Amino acid sequence: MLDRAERLQREFFQLSVERERGPAWQPPIDVIETEHEVAVVVALPGVRPHDVAVAVEDGTLVISAVRSLPRAGSGSVIRRLEIPYGRFERRVVLDGETLRLDRRDFANGCLMLTFRKIG
C-alpha cells in the first residue's frame, strides 16, 4: 500500500529539467472545454495566489511561481521531503482558439482559470 501511495505521489508531481532556467517541477492540471469557455485547474497546494504568474505566449498558457520550503524551527531535521519545492512552470497549448482570460480564482489549493472563447 505504501509503495502504491509513493508511486501515485511521483506521478502527481512530475519533475522536469529546463536548461535555461534550472530545475523545475510541473503541477498537474485539468483542462475542461465547453462551447463558450475553456477552464484550466492547476493543483498548487502551498503556493500563495499572488505569487503565481499567468501569461499567454504564442497560443501557449504559461503558469509559473515558486513554492518555498516551509519554515522549520531551529535545530529541526528534514526526515522526508516528497512534495516538490522551488520554481515551477507549466505550459499548456491552447489549440489555436482565441481566448480571453475571464476569471482567475484560487480555492482549496487550486488555481482556476476560465477563458472565454472569442469569435
PDB file of N, CA and C in Angstrom:
ATOM      1  N   MET A   1       0.822  -1.191   0.000  1.00  0.00           N
ATOM      2  CA  MET A   1       0.000   0.000   0.000  1.00  0.00           C
ATOM      3  C   MET A   1       0.868   1.258   0.000  1.00  0.00           C
ATOM      4  N   LEU A   2       1.944   1.255   0.789  1.00  0.00           N
ATOM      5  CA  LEU A   2       2.856   2.394   0.839  1.00  0.00           C
ATOM      6  C   LEU A   2       3.555   2.593  -0.507  1.00  0.00           C
ATOM      7  N   ASP A   3       3.962   1.496  -1.153  1.00  0.00           N
ATOM      8  CA  ASP A   3       4.591   1.592  -2.473  1.00  0.00           C
ATOM      9  C   ASP A   3       3.640   2.226  -3.483  1.00  0.00           C
ATOM     10  N   ARG A   4       2.380   1.841  -3.436  1.00  0.00           N
ATOM     11  CA  ARG A   4       1.392   2.403  -4.355  1.00  0.00           C
ATOM     12  C   ARG A   4       1.209   3.897  -4.104  1.00  0.00           C
ATOM     13  N   ALA A   5       1.144   4.296  -2.841  1.00  0.00           N
ATOM     14  CA  ALA A   5       0.991   5.713  -2.497  1.00  0.00           C
ATOM     15  C   ALA A   5       2.195   6.519  -2.975  1.00  0.00           C
ATOM     16  N   GLU A   6       3.393   5.993  -2.806  1.00  0.00           N
ATOM     17  CA  GLU A   6       4.602   6.691  -3.261  1.00  0.00           C
ATOM     18  C   GLU A   6       4.616   6.808  -4.783  1.00  0.00           C
ATOM     19  N   ARG A   7       4.182   5.761  -5.486  1.00  0.00           N
ATOM     20  CA  ARG A   7       4.132   5.805  -6.946  1.00  0.00           C
ATOM     21  C   ARG A   7       3.141   6.863  -7.420  1.00  0.00           C
ATOM     22  N   LEU A   8       1.975   6.916  -6.778  1.00  0.00           N
ATOM     23  CA  LEU A   8       0.976   7.922  -7.131  1.00  0.00           C
ATOM     24  C   LEU A   8       1.505   9.335  -6.874  1.00  0.00           C
ATOM     25  N   GLN A   9       2.233   9.520  -5.775  1.00  0.00           N
ATOM     26  CA  GLN A   9       2.802  10.827  -5.465  1.00  0.00           C
ATOM     27  C   GLN A   9       3.810  11.230  -6.532  1.00  0.00           C
ATOM     28  N   ARG A  10       4.650  10.316  -6.993  1.00  0.00           N
ATOM     29  CA  ARG A  10       5.629  10.617  -8.045  1.00  0.00           C
ATOM     30  C   ARG A  10       4.927  10.988  -9.344  1.00  0.00           C
ATOM     31  N   GLU A  11       3.804  10.330  -9.648  1.00  0.00           N
ATOM     32  CA  GLU A  11       3.055  10.642 -10.855  1.00  0.00           C
ATOM     33  C   GLU A  11       2.349  11.984 -10.742  1.00  0.00           C
ATOM     34  N   PHE A  12       1.910  12.339  -9.540  1.00  0.00           N
ATOM     35  CA  PHE A  12       1.155  13.572  -9.328  1.00  0.00           C
ATOM     36  C   PHE A  12       2.041  14.796  -9.516  1.00  0.00           C
ATOM     37  N   PHE A  13       3.234  14.786  -8.939  1.00  0.00           N
ATOM     38  CA  PHE A  13       4.164  15.898  -9.054  1.00  0.00           C
ATOM     39  C   PHE A  13       5.356  15.454  -9.882  1.00  0.00           C
ATOM     40  N   GLN A  14       5.352  15.800 -11.153  1.00  0.00           N
ATOM     41  CA  GLN A  14       6.416  15.395 -12.063  1.00  0.00           C
ATOM     42  C   GLN A  14       7.519  16.433 -12.066  1.00  0.00           C
ATOM     43  N   LEU A  15       8.766  15.994 -11.937  1.00  0.00           N
ATOM     44  CA  LEU A  15       9.900  16.889 -12.027  1.00  0.00           C
ATOM     45  C   LEU A  15      10.340  16.991 -13.471  1.00  0.00           C
ATOM     46  N   SER A  16      10.843  18.154 -13.843  1.00  0.00           N
ATOM     47  CA  SER A  16      11.411  18.326 -15.166  1.00  0.00           C
ATOM     48  C   SER A  16      12.650  19.183 -15.028  1.00  0.00           C
ATOM     49  N   VAL A  17      13.496  19.153 -16.035  1.00  0.00           N
ATOM     50  CA  VAL A  17      14.702  19.975 -16.017  1.00  0.00           C
ATOM     51  C   VAL A  17      14.678  20.838 -17.264  1.00  0.00           C
ATOM     52  N   GLU A  18      14.817  22.138 -17.069  1.00  0.00           N
ATOM     53  CA  GLU A  18      14.879  23.066 -18.179  1.00  0.00           C
ATOM     54  C   GLU A  18      16.288  23.629 -18.227  1.00  0.00           C
ATOM     55  N   ARG A  19      16.912  23.606 -19.377  1.00  0.00           N
ATOM     56  CA  ARG A  19      18.298  24.023 -19.500  1.00  0.00           C
ATOM     57  C   ARG A  19      18.523  25.482 -19.116  1.00  0.00           C
ATOM     58  N   GLU A  20      17.675  26.390 -19.590  1.00  0.00           N
ATOM     59  CA  GLU A  20      17.905  27.805 -19.382  1.00  0.00           C
ATOM     60  C   GLU A  20      17.545  28.267 -17.976  1.00  0.00           C
ATOM     61  N   ARG A  21      16.549  27.704 -17.379  1.00  0.00           N
ATOM     62  CA  ARG A  21      16.024  28.226 -16.128  1.00  0.00           C
ATOM     63  C   ARG A  21      16.304  27.344 -14.923  1.00  0.00           C
ATOM     64  N   GLY A  22      16.959  26.235 -15.078  1.00  0.00           N
ATOM     65  CA  GLY A  22      17.256  25.360 -13.957  1.00  0.00           C
ATOM     66  C   GLY A  22      16.143  24.368 -13.690  1.00  0.00           C
ATOM     67  N   PRO A  23      16.282  23.596 -12.625  1.00  0.00           N
ATOM     68  CA  PRO A  23      15.296  22.563 -12.315  1.00  0.00           C
ATOM     69  C   PRO A  23      13.927  23.161 -12.015  1.00  0.00           C
ATOM     70  N   ALA A  24      12.901  22.427 -12.364  1.00  0.00           N
ATOM     71  CA  ALA A  24      11.530  22.869 -12.118  1.00  0.00           C
ATOM     72  C   ALA A  24      10.658  21.635 -11.957  1.00  0.00           C
ATOM     73  N   TRP A  25       9.507  21.845 -11.403  1.00  0.00           N
ATOM     74  CA  TRP A  25       8.512  20.784 -11.332  1.00  0.00           C
ATOM     75  C   TRP A  25       7.271  21.281 -12.042  1.00  0.00           C
ATOM     76  N   GLN A  26       6.424  20.375 -12.417  1.00  0.00           N
ATOM     77  CA  GLN A  26       5.209  20.726 -13.142  1.00  0.00           C
ATOM     78  C   GLN A  26       3.990  20.255 -12.361  1.00  0.00           C
ATOM     79  N   PRO A  27       3.141  21.200 -11.939  1.00  0.00           N
ATOM     80  CA  PRO A  27       1.934  20.786 -11.227  1.00  0.00           C
ATOM     81  C   PRO A  27       0.948  20.132 -12.183  1.00  0.00           C
ATOM     82  N   PRO A  28       0.131  19.222 -11.680  1.00  0.00           N
ATOM     83  CA  PRO A  28      -0.895  18.599 -12.528  1.00  0.00           C
ATOM     84  C   PRO A  28      -1.999  19.597 -12.850  1.00  0.00           C
ATOM     85  N   ILE A  29      -2.619  19.412 -14.012  1.00  0.00           N
ATOM     86  CA  ILE A  29      -3.693  20.311 -14.448  1.00  0.00           C
ATOM     87  C   ILE A  29      -4.859  19.511 -15.007  1.00  0.00           C
ATOM     88  N   ASP A  30      -6.010  20.148 -15.014  1.00  0.00           N
ATOM     89  CA  ASP A  30      -7.189  19.657 -15.730  1.00  0.00           C
ATOM     90  C   ASP A  30      -7.584  20.764 -16.694  1.00  0.00           C
ATOM     91  N   VAL A  31      -7.976  20.397 -17.911  1.00  0.00           N
ATOM     92  CA  VAL A  31      -8.479  21.354 -18.890  1.00  0.00           C
ATOM     93  C   VAL A  31      -9.866  20.872 -19.305  1.00  0.00           C
ATOM     94  N   ILE A  32     -10.858  21.731 -19.093  1.00  0.00           N
ATOM     95  CA  ILE A  32     -12.239  21.390 -19.400  1.00  0.00           C
ATOM     96  C   ILE A  32     -12.761  22.424 -20.389  1.00  0.00           C
ATOM     97  N   GLU A  33     -13.317  21.950 -21.496  1.00  0.00           N
ATOM     98  CA  GLU A  33     -13.793  22.856 -22.532  1.00  0.00           C
ATOM     99  C   GLU A  33     -15.290  22.701 -22.740  1.00  0.00           C
ATOM    100  N   THR A  34     -15.957  23.839 -22.874  1.00  0.00           N
ATOM    101  CA  THR A  34     -17.366  23.873 -23.247  1.00  0.00           C
ATOM    102  C   THR A  34     -17.473  24.633 -24.569  1.00  0.00           C
ATOM    103  N   GLU A  35     -18.669  24.838 -25.019  1.00  0.00           N
ATOM    104  CA  GLU A  35     -18.881  25.555 -26.278  1.00  0.00           C
ATOM    105  C   GLU A  35     -18.343  26.991 -26.215  1.00  0.00           C
ATOM    106  N   HIS A  36     -18.417  27.622 -25.014  1.00  0.00           N
ATOM    107  CA  HIS A  36     -18.069  29.031 -24.891  1.00  0.00           C
ATOM    108  C   HIS A  36     -16.832  29.313 -24.035  1.00  0.00           C
ATOM    109  N   GLU A  37     -16.332  28.311 -23.316  1.00  0.00           N
ATOM    110  CA  GLU A  37     -15.229  28.555 -22.375  1.00  0.00           C
ATOM    111  C   GLU A  37     -14.225  27.412 -22.377  1.00  0.00           C
ATOM    112  N   VAL A  38     -13.031  27.754 -21.886  1.00  0.00           N
ATOM    113  CA  VAL A  38     -12.015  26.757 -21.568  1.00  0.00           C
ATOM    114  C   VAL A  38     -11.604  27.029 -20.126  1.00  0.00           C
ATOM    115  N   ALA A  39     -11.717  26.022 -19.270  1.00  0.00           N
ATOM    116  CA  ALA A  39     -11.331  26.152 -17.870  1.00  0.00           C
ATOM    117  C   ALA A  39     -10.080  25.327 -17.625  1.00  0.00           C
ATOM    118  N   VAL A  40      -9.133  25.933 -16.902  1.00  0.00           N
ATOM    119  CA  VAL A  40      -7.881  25.253 -16.551  1.00  0.00           C
ATOM    120  C   VAL A  40      -7.790  25.258 -15.037  1.00  0.00           C
ATOM    121  N   VAL A  41      -7.630  24.075 -14.441  1.00  0.00           N
ATOM    122  CA  VAL A  41      -7.485  23.939 -12.995  1.00  0.00           C
ATOM    123  C   VAL A  41      -6.079  23.406 -12.737  1.00  0.00           C
ATOM    124  N   VAL A  42      -5.318  24.137 -11.898  1.00  0.00           N
ATOM    125  CA  VAL A  42      -3.930  23.787 -11.616  1.00  0.00           C
ATOM    126  C   VAL A  42      -3.801  23.503 -10.127  1.00  0.00           C
ATOM    127  N   ALA A  43      -3.298  22.320  -9.758  1.00  0.00           N
ATOM    128  CA  ALA A  43      -3.116  21.962  -8.351  1.00  0.00           C
ATOM    129  C   ALA A  43      -1.852  22.637  -7.823  1.00  0.00           C
ATOM    130  N   LEU A  44      -2.034  23.590  -6.892  1.00  0.00           N
ATOM    131  CA  LEU A  44      -0.911  24.354  -6.354  1.00  0.00           C
ATOM    132  C   LEU A  44      -0.958  24.456  -4.832  1.00  0.00           C
ATOM    133  N   PRO A  45      -1.068  23.337  -4.128  1.00  0.00           N
ATOM    134  CA  PRO A  45      -1.108  23.431  -2.667  1.00  0.00           C
ATOM    135  C   PRO A  45       0.184  24.051  -2.138  1.00  0.00           C
ATOM    136  N   GLY A  46       0.024  24.969  -1.194  1.00  0.00           N
ATOM    137  CA  GLY A  46       1.186  25.593  -0.581  1.00  0.00           C
ATOM    138  C   GLY A  46       1.758  26.765  -1.356  1.00  0.00           C
ATOM    139  N   VAL A  47       1.126  27.163  -2.453  1.00  0.00           N
ATOM    140  CA  VAL A  47       1.590  28.302  -3.238  1.00  0.00           C
ATOM    141  C   VAL A  47       0.616  29.457  -3.003  1.00  0.00           C
ATOM    142  N   ARG A  48       1.158  30.634  -2.658  1.00  0.00           N
ATOM    143  CA  ARG A  48       0.299  31.793  -2.420  1.00  0.00           C
ATOM    144  C   ARG A  48      -0.245  32.327  -3.744  1.00  0.00           C
ATOM    145  N   PRO A  49      -1.530  32.638  -3.804  1.00  0.00           N
ATOM    146  CA  PRO A  49      -2.149  33.084  -5.060  1.00  0.00           C
ATOM    147  C   PRO A  49      -1.443  34.265  -5.723  1.00  0.00           C
ATOM    148  N   HIS A  50      -0.991  35.242  -4.933  1.00  0.00           N
ATOM    149  CA  HIS A  50      -0.363  36.425  -5.524  1.00  0.00           C
ATOM    150  C   HIS A  50       1.056  36.155  -6.047  1.00  0.00           C
ATOM    151  N   ASP A  51       1.584  34.971  -5.772  1.00  0.00           N
ATOM    152  CA  ASP A  51       2.915  34.606  -6.276  1.00  0.00           C
ATOM    153  C   ASP A  51       2.868  33.935  -7.649  1.00  0.00           C
ATOM    154  N   VAL A  52       1.687  33.629  -8.144  1.00  0.00           N
ATOM    155  CA  VAL A  52       1.543  32.880  -9.393  1.00  0.00           C
ATOM    156  C   VAL A  52       1.438  33.852 -10.568  1.00  0.00           C
ATOM    157  N   ALA A  53       2.312  33.658 -11.562  1.00  0.00           N
ATOM    158  CA  ALA A  53       2.265  34.454 -12.793  1.00  0.00           C
ATOM    159  C   ALA A  53       1.546  33.647 -13.867  1.00  0.00           C
ATOM    160  N   VAL A  54       0.636  34.306 -14.577  1.00  0.00           N
ATOM    161  CA  VAL A  54      -0.123  33.676 -15.663  1.00  0.00           C
ATOM    162  C   VAL A  54       0.045  34.547 -16.902  1.00  0.00           C
ATOM    163  N   ALA A  55       0.444  33.917 -18.008  1.00  0.00           N
ATOM    164  CA  ALA A  55       0.610  34.651 -19.267  1.00  0.00           C
ATOM    165  C   ALA A  55       0.231  33.736 -20.423  1.00  0.00           C
ATOM    166  N   VAL A  56      -0.101  34.347 -21.551  1.00  0.00           N
ATOM    167  CA  VAL A  56      -0.334  33.597 -22.779  1.00  0.00           C
ATOM    168  C   VAL A  56       0.713  34.071 -23.780  1.00  0.00           C
ATOM    169  N   GLU A  57       1.544  33.130 -24.246  1.00  0.00           N
ATOM    170  CA  GLU A  57       2.630  33.424 -25.179  1.00  0.00           C
ATOM    171  C   GLU A  57       2.460  32.572 -26.425  1.00  0.00           C
ATOM    172  N   ASP A  58       2.197  33.204 -27.545  1.00  0.00           N
ATOM    173  CA  ASP A  58       2.066  32.499 -28.826  1.00  0.00           C
ATOM    174  C   ASP A  58       1.118  31.309 -28.742  1.00  0.00           C
ATOM    175  N   GLY A  59      -0.052  31.494 -28.157  1.00  0.00           N
ATOM    176  CA  GLY A  59      -1.039  30.433 -28.073  1.00  0.00           C
ATOM    177  C   GLY A  59      -0.779  29.393 -27.000  1.00  0.00           C
ATOM    178  N   THR A  60       0.183  29.676 -26.112  1.00  0.00           N
ATOM    179  CA  THR A  60       0.504  28.752 -25.023  1.00  0.00           C
ATOM    180  C   THR A  60       0.292  29.445 -23.689  1.00  0.00           C
ATOM    181  N   LEU A  61      -0.480  28.821 -22.810  1.00  0.00           N
ATOM    182  CA  LEU A  61      -0.688  29.317 -21.460  1.00  0.00           C
ATOM    183  C   LEU A  61       0.540  28.957 -20.631  1.00  0.00           C
ATOM    184  N   VAL A  62       1.123  29.945 -19.940  1.00  0.00           N
ATOM    185  CA  VAL A  62       2.306  29.720 -19.106  1.00  0.00           C
ATOM    186  C   VAL A  62       1.952  30.108 -17.677  1.00  0.00           C
ATOM    187  N   ILE A  63       2.087  29.153 -16.762  1.00  0.00           N
ATOM    188  CA  ILE A  63       1.799  29.366 -15.348  1.00  0.00           C
ATOM    189  C   ILE A  63       3.090  29.085 -14.597  1.00  0.00           C
ATOM    190  N   SER A  64       3.552  30.056 -13.777  1.00  0.00           N
ATOM    191  CA  SER A  64       4.815  29.866 -13.071  1.00  0.00           C
ATOM    192  C   SER A  64       4.784  30.538 -11.704  1.00  0.00           C
ATOM    193  N   ALA A  65       5.616  30.036 -10.814  1.00  0.00           N
ATOM    194  CA  ALA A  65       5.781  30.598  -9.467  1.00  0.00           C
ATOM    195  C   ALA A  65       6.886  29.807  -8.775  1.00  0.00           C
ATOM    196  N   VAL A  66       7.025  30.064  -7.485  1.00  0.00           N
ATOM    197  CA  VAL A  66       7.983  29.332  -6.653  1.00  0.00           C
ATOM    198  C   VAL A  66       7.241  28.832  -5.424  1.00  0.00           C
ATOM    199  N   ARG A  67       7.396  27.567  -5.114  1.00  0.00           N
ATOM    200  CA  ARG A  67       6.868  27.035  -3.851  1.00  0.00           C
ATOM    201  C   ARG A  67       8.051  26.964  -2.897  1.00  0.00           C
ATOM    202  N   SER A  68       7.963  27.733  -1.811  1.00  0.00           N
ATOM    203  CA  SER A  68       9.052  27.786  -0.842  1.00  0.00           C
ATOM    204  C   SER A  68       8.918  26.676   0.186  1.00  0.00           C
ATOM    205  N   LEU A  69      10.063  26.236   0.690  1.00  0.00           N
ATOM    206  CA  LEU A  69      10.054  25.254   1.780  1.00  0.00           C
ATOM    207  C   LEU A  69       9.415  25.891   3.005  1.00  0.00           C
ATOM    208  N   PRO A  70       8.626  25.136   3.749  1.00  0.00           N
ATOM    209  CA  PRO A  70       8.057  25.700   4.972  1.00  0.00           C
ATOM    210  C   PRO A  70       9.168  25.987   5.974  1.00  0.00           C
ATOM    211  N   ARG A  71       9.002  27.037   6.720  1.00  0.00           N
ATOM    212  CA  ARG A  71      10.000  27.394   7.738  1.00  0.00           C
ATOM    213  C   ARG A  71       9.903  26.407   8.901  1.00  0.00           C
ATOM    214  N   ALA A  72      11.042  25.872   9.258  1.00  0.00           N
ATOM    215  CA  ALA A  72      11.093  24.953  10.396  1.00  0.00           C
ATOM    216  C   ALA A  72      11.899  25.627  11.501  1.00  0.00           C
ATOM    217  N   GLY A  73      11.640  25.230  12.695  1.00  0.00           N
ATOM    218  CA  GLY A  73      12.338  25.811  13.830  1.00  0.00           C
ATOM    219  C   GLY A  73      13.819  25.448  13.839  1.00  0.00           C
ATOM    220  N   SER A  74      14.569  26.171  14.585  1.00  0.00           N
ATOM    221  CA  SER A  74      15.999  25.932  14.731  1.00  0.00           C
ATOM    222  C   SER A  74      16.231  24.530  15.279  1.00  0.00           C
ATOM    223  N   GLY A  75      17.194  23.849  14.716  1.00  0.00           N
ATOM    224  CA  GLY A  75      17.520  22.500  15.167  1.00  0.00           C
ATOM    225  C   GLY A  75      16.660  21.416  14.537  1.00  0.00           C
ATOM    226  N   SER A  76      15.765  21.782  13.639  1.00  0.00           N
ATOM    227  CA  SER A  76      14.921  20.766  13.015  1.00  0.00           C
ATOM    228  C   SER A  76      15.711  20.021  11.937  1.00  0.00           C
ATOM    229  N   VAL A  77      15.296  18.790  11.692  1.00  0.00           N
ATOM    230  CA  VAL A  77      15.941  17.930  10.705  1.00  0.00           C
ATOM    231  C   VAL A  77      14.864  17.439   9.740  1.00  0.00           C
ATOM    232  N   ILE A  78      15.143  17.542   8.448  1.00  0.00           N
ATOM    233  CA  ILE A  78      14.200  17.026   7.462  1.00  0.00           C
ATOM    234  C   ILE A  78      14.344  15.514   7.427  1.00  0.00           C
ATOM    235  N   ARG A  79      13.288  14.794   7.725  1.00  0.00           N
ATOM    236  CA  ARG A  79      13.282  13.329   7.710  1.00  0.00           C
ATOM    237  C   ARG A  79      12.823  12.782   6.369  1.00  0.00           C
ATOM    238  N   ARG A  80      11.948  13.524   5.723  1.00  0.00           N
ATOM    239  CA  ARG A  80      11.420  13.088   4.431  1.00  0.00           C
ATOM    240  C   ARG A  80      10.928  14.330   3.695  1.00  0.00           C
ATOM    241  N   LEU A  81      11.213  14.406   2.421  1.00  0.00           N
ATOM    242  CA  LEU A  81      10.806  15.554   1.619  1.00  0.00           C
ATOM    243  C   LEU A  81      10.305  15.028   0.287  1.00  0.00           C
ATOM    244  N   GLU A  82       8.978  14.889   0.148  1.00  0.00           N
ATOM    245  CA  GLU A  82       8.380  14.335  -1.062  1.00  0.00           C
ATOM    246  C   GLU A  82       7.657  15.377  -1.899  1.00  0.00           C
ATOM    247  N   ILE A  83       7.193  16.435  -1.271  1.00  0.00           N
ATOM    248  CA  ILE A  83       6.484  17.474  -2.001  1.00  0.00           C
ATOM    249  C   ILE A  83       7.525  18.341  -2.705  1.00  0.00           C
ATOM    250  N   PRO A  84       7.376  18.560  -4.010  1.00  0.00           N
ATOM    251  CA  PRO A  84       8.385  19.357  -4.714  1.00  0.00           C
ATOM    252  C   PRO A  84       8.314  20.836  -4.323  1.00  0.00           C
ATOM    253  N   TYR A  85       9.496  21.429  -4.178  1.00  0.00           N
ATOM    254  CA  TYR A  85       9.609  22.842  -3.849  1.00  0.00           C
ATOM    255  C   TYR A  85      10.521  23.493  -4.864  1.00  0.00           C
ATOM    256  N   GLY A  86      10.470  24.802  -4.910  1.00  0.00           N
ATOM    257  CA  GLY A  86      11.287  25.551  -5.845  1.00  0.00           C
ATOM    258  C   GLY A  86      10.433  26.095  -6.970  1.00  0.00           C
ATOM    259  N   ARG A  87      11.121  26.559  -8.012  1.00  0.00           N
ATOM    260  CA  ARG A  87      10.431  27.174  -9.141  1.00  0.00           C
ATOM    261  C   ARG A  87       9.705  26.125  -9.964  1.00  0.00           C
ATOM    262  N   PHE A  88       8.509  26.467 -10.424  1.00  0.00           N
ATOM    263  CA  PHE A  88       7.808  25.586 -11.348  1.00  0.00           C
ATOM    264  C   PHE A  88       7.316  26.401 -12.519  1.00  0.00           C
ATOM    265  N   GLU A  89       7.064  25.691 -13.579  1.00  0.00           N
ATOM    266  CA  GLU A  89       6.458  26.302 -14.753  1.00  0.00           C
ATOM    267  C   GLU A  89       5.656  25.231 -15.460  1.00  0.00           C
ATOM    268  N   ARG A  90       4.463  25.586 -15.855  1.00  0.00           N
ATOM    269  CA  ARG A  90       3.613  24.659 -16.604  1.00  0.00           C
ATOM    270  C   ARG A  90       3.147  25.368 -17.856  1.00  0.00           C
ATOM    271  N   ARG A  91       3.323  24.729 -18.999  1.00  0.00           N
ATOM    272  CA  ARG A  91       2.914  25.281 -20.289  1.00  0.00           C
ATOM    273  C   ARG A  91       1.809  24.405 -20.860  1.00  0.00           C
ATOM    274  N   VAL A  92       0.754  25.066 -21.349  1.00  0.00           N
ATOM    275  CA  VAL A  92      -0.386  24.356 -21.905  1.00  0.00           C
ATOM    276  C   VAL A  92      -0.728  24.998 -23.245  1.00  0.00           C
ATOM    277  N   VAL A  93      -0.673  24.230 -24.325  1.00  0.00           N
ATOM    278  CA  VAL A  93      -1.046  24.733 -25.639  1.00  0.00           C
ATOM    279  C   VAL A  93      -2.558  24.890 -25.677  1.00  0.00           C
ATOM    280  N   LEU A  94      -3.014  26.033 -26.178  1.00  0.00           N
ATOM    281  CA  LEU A  94      -4.448  26.347 -26.164  1.00  0.00           C
ATOM    282  C   LEU A  94      -5.152  26.002 -27.477  1.00  0.00           C
ATOM    283  N   ASP A  95      -4.566  25.175 -28.306  1.00  0.00           N
ATOM    284  CA  ASP A  95      -5.194  24.618 -29.514  1.00  0.00           C
ATOM    285  C   ASP A  95      -5.740  25.650 -30.488  1.00  0.00           C
ATOM    286  N   GLY A  96      -5.044  26.762 -30.667  1.00  0.00           N
ATOM    287  CA  GLY A  96      -5.401  27.714 -31.704  1.00  0.00           C
ATOM    288  C   GLY A  96      -6.648  28.534 -31.462  1.00  0.00           C
ATOM    289  N   GLU A  97      -7.317  28.342 -30.333  1.00  0.00           N
ATOM    290  CA  GLU A  97      -8.508  29.131 -30.012  1.00  0.00           C
ATOM    291  C   GLU A  97      -8.084  30.557 -29.645  1.00  0.00           C
ATOM    292  N   THR A  98      -8.916  31.537 -29.985  1.00  0.00           N
ATOM    293  CA  THR A  98      -8.713  32.892 -29.498  1.00  0.00           C
ATOM    294  C   THR A  98      -9.465  32.992 -28.180  1.00  0.00           C
ATOM    295  N   LEU A  99      -8.705  33.201 -27.098  1.00  0.00           N
ATOM    296  CA  LEU A  99      -9.291  33.179 -25.766  1.00  0.00           C
ATOM    297  C   LEU A  99      -8.965  34.460 -25.010  1.00  0.00           C
ATOM    298  N   ARG A 100      -9.861  34.833 -24.103  1.00  0.00           N
ATOM    299  CA  ARG A 100      -9.637  35.965 -23.210  1.00  0.00           C
ATOM    300  C   ARG A 100      -9.818  35.465 -21.775  1.00  0.00           C
ATOM    301  N   LEU A 101      -8.844  35.770 -20.919  1.00  0.00           N
ATOM    302  CA  LEU A 101      -8.964  35.368 -19.521  1.00  0.00           C
ATOM    303  C   LEU A 101     -10.133  36.110 -18.905  1.00  0.00           C
ATOM    304  N   ASP A 102     -11.125  35.355 -18.444  1.00  0.00           N
ATOM    305  CA  ASP A 102     -12.365  35.918 -17.910  1.00  0.00           C
ATOM    306  C   ASP A 102     -12.365  35.920 -16.385  1.00  0.00           C
ATOM    307  N   ARG A 103     -11.885  34.836 -15.776  1.00  0.00           N
ATOM    308  CA  ARG A 103     -11.865  34.714 -14.316  1.00  0.00           C
ATOM    309  C   ARG A 103     -10.595  34.005 -13.871  1.00  0.00           C
ATOM    310  N   ARG A 104     -10.116  34.448 -12.706  1.00  0.00           N
ATOM    311  CA  ARG A 104      -8.956  33.813 -12.059  1.00  0.00           C
ATOM    312  C   ARG A 104      -9.322  33.654 -10.591  1.00  0.00           C
ATOM    313  N   ASP A 105      -9.491  32.406 -10.151  1.00  0.00           N
ATOM    314  CA  ASP A 105      -9.886  32.123  -8.774  1.00  0.00           C
ATOM    315  C   ASP A 105      -8.861  31.179  -8.154  1.00  0.00           C
ATOM    316  N   PHE A 106      -8.757  31.228  -6.836  1.00  0.00           N
ATOM    317  CA  PHE A 106      -7.865  30.334  -6.113  1.00  0.00           C
ATOM    318  C   PHE A 106      -8.642  29.788  -4.933  1.00  0.00           C
ATOM    319  N   ALA A 107      -8.843  28.474  -4.911  1.00  0.00           N
ATOM    320  CA  ALA A 107      -9.597  27.855  -3.821  1.00  0.00           C
ATOM    321  C   ALA A 107      -9.090  26.447  -3.580  1.00  0.00           C
ATOM    322  N   ASN A 108      -9.007  26.079  -2.310  1.00  0.00           N
ATOM    323  CA  ASN A 108      -8.623  24.731  -1.906  1.00  0.00           C
ATOM    324  C   ASN A 108      -7.308  24.280  -2.535  1.00  0.00           C
ATOM    325  N   GLY A 109      -6.353  25.197  -2.646  1.00  0.00           N
ATOM    326  CA  GLY A 109      -5.041  24.850  -3.195  1.00  0.00           C
ATOM    327  C   GLY A 109      -5.005  24.713  -4.702  1.00  0.00           C
ATOM    328  N   CYS A 110      -6.055  25.161  -5.378  1.00  0.00           N
ATOM    329  CA  CYS A 110      -6.099  25.075  -6.842  1.00  0.00           C
ATOM    330  C   CYS A 110      -6.309  26.450  -7.458  1.00  0.00           C
ATOM    331  N   LEU A 111      -5.549  26.725  -8.507  1.00  0.00           N
ATOM    332  CA  LEU A 111      -5.752  27.914  -9.316  1.00  0.00           C
ATOM    333  C   LEU A 111      -6.745  27.539 -10.407  1.00  0.00           C
ATOM    334  N   MET A 112      -7.805  28.326 -10.548  1.00  0.00           N
ATOM    335  CA  MET A 112      -8.820  28.050 -11.557  1.00  0.00           C
ATOM    336  C   MET A 112      -8.878  29.228 -12.526  1.00  0.00           C
ATOM    337  N   LEU A 113      -8.539  28.974 -13.775  1.00  0.00           N
ATOM    338  CA  LEU A 113      -8.552  29.990 -14.816  1.00  0.00           C
ATOM    339  C   LEU A 113      -9.685  29.679 -15.775  1.00  0.00           C
ATOM    340  N   THR A 114     -10.509  30.666 -16.073  1.00  0.00           N
ATOM    341  CA  THR A 114     -11.604  30.478 -17.017  1.00  0.00           C
ATOM    342  C   THR A 114     -11.393  31.447 -18.172  1.00  0.00           C
ATOM    343  N   PHE A 115     -11.275  30.893 -19.365  1.00  0.00           N
ATOM    344  CA  PHE A 115     -11.084  31.676 -20.584  1.00  0.00           C
ATOM    345  C   PHE A 115     -12.371  31.673 -21.386  1.00  0.00           C
ATOM    346  N   ARG A 116     -12.762  32.824 -21.886  1.00  0.00           N
ATOM    347  CA  ARG A 116     -13.926  32.956 -22.754  1.00  0.00           C
ATOM    348  C   ARG A 116     -13.443  32.842 -24.183  1.00  0.00           C
ATOM    349  N   LYS A 117     -14.117  32.012 -24.996  1.00  0.00           N
ATOM    350  CA  LYS A 117     -13.787  31.885 -26.409  1.00  0.00           C
ATOM    351  C   LYS A 117     -14.269  33.125 -27.148  1.00  0.00           C
ATOM    352  N   ILE A 118     -13.424  33.661 -27.985  1.00  0.00           N
ATOM    353  CA  ILE A 118     -13.760  34.862 -28.749  1.00  0.00           C
ATOM    354  C   ILE A 118     -13.829  34.490 -30.215  1.00  0.00           C
ATOM    355  N   GLY A 119     -14.916  34.869 -30.857  1.00  0.00           N
ATOM    356  CA  GLY A 119     -15.062  34.633 -32.294  1.00  0.00           C
ATOM    357  C   GLY A 119     -15.577  33.337 -32.639  1.00  0.00           C
TER     358      GLY A 119
END
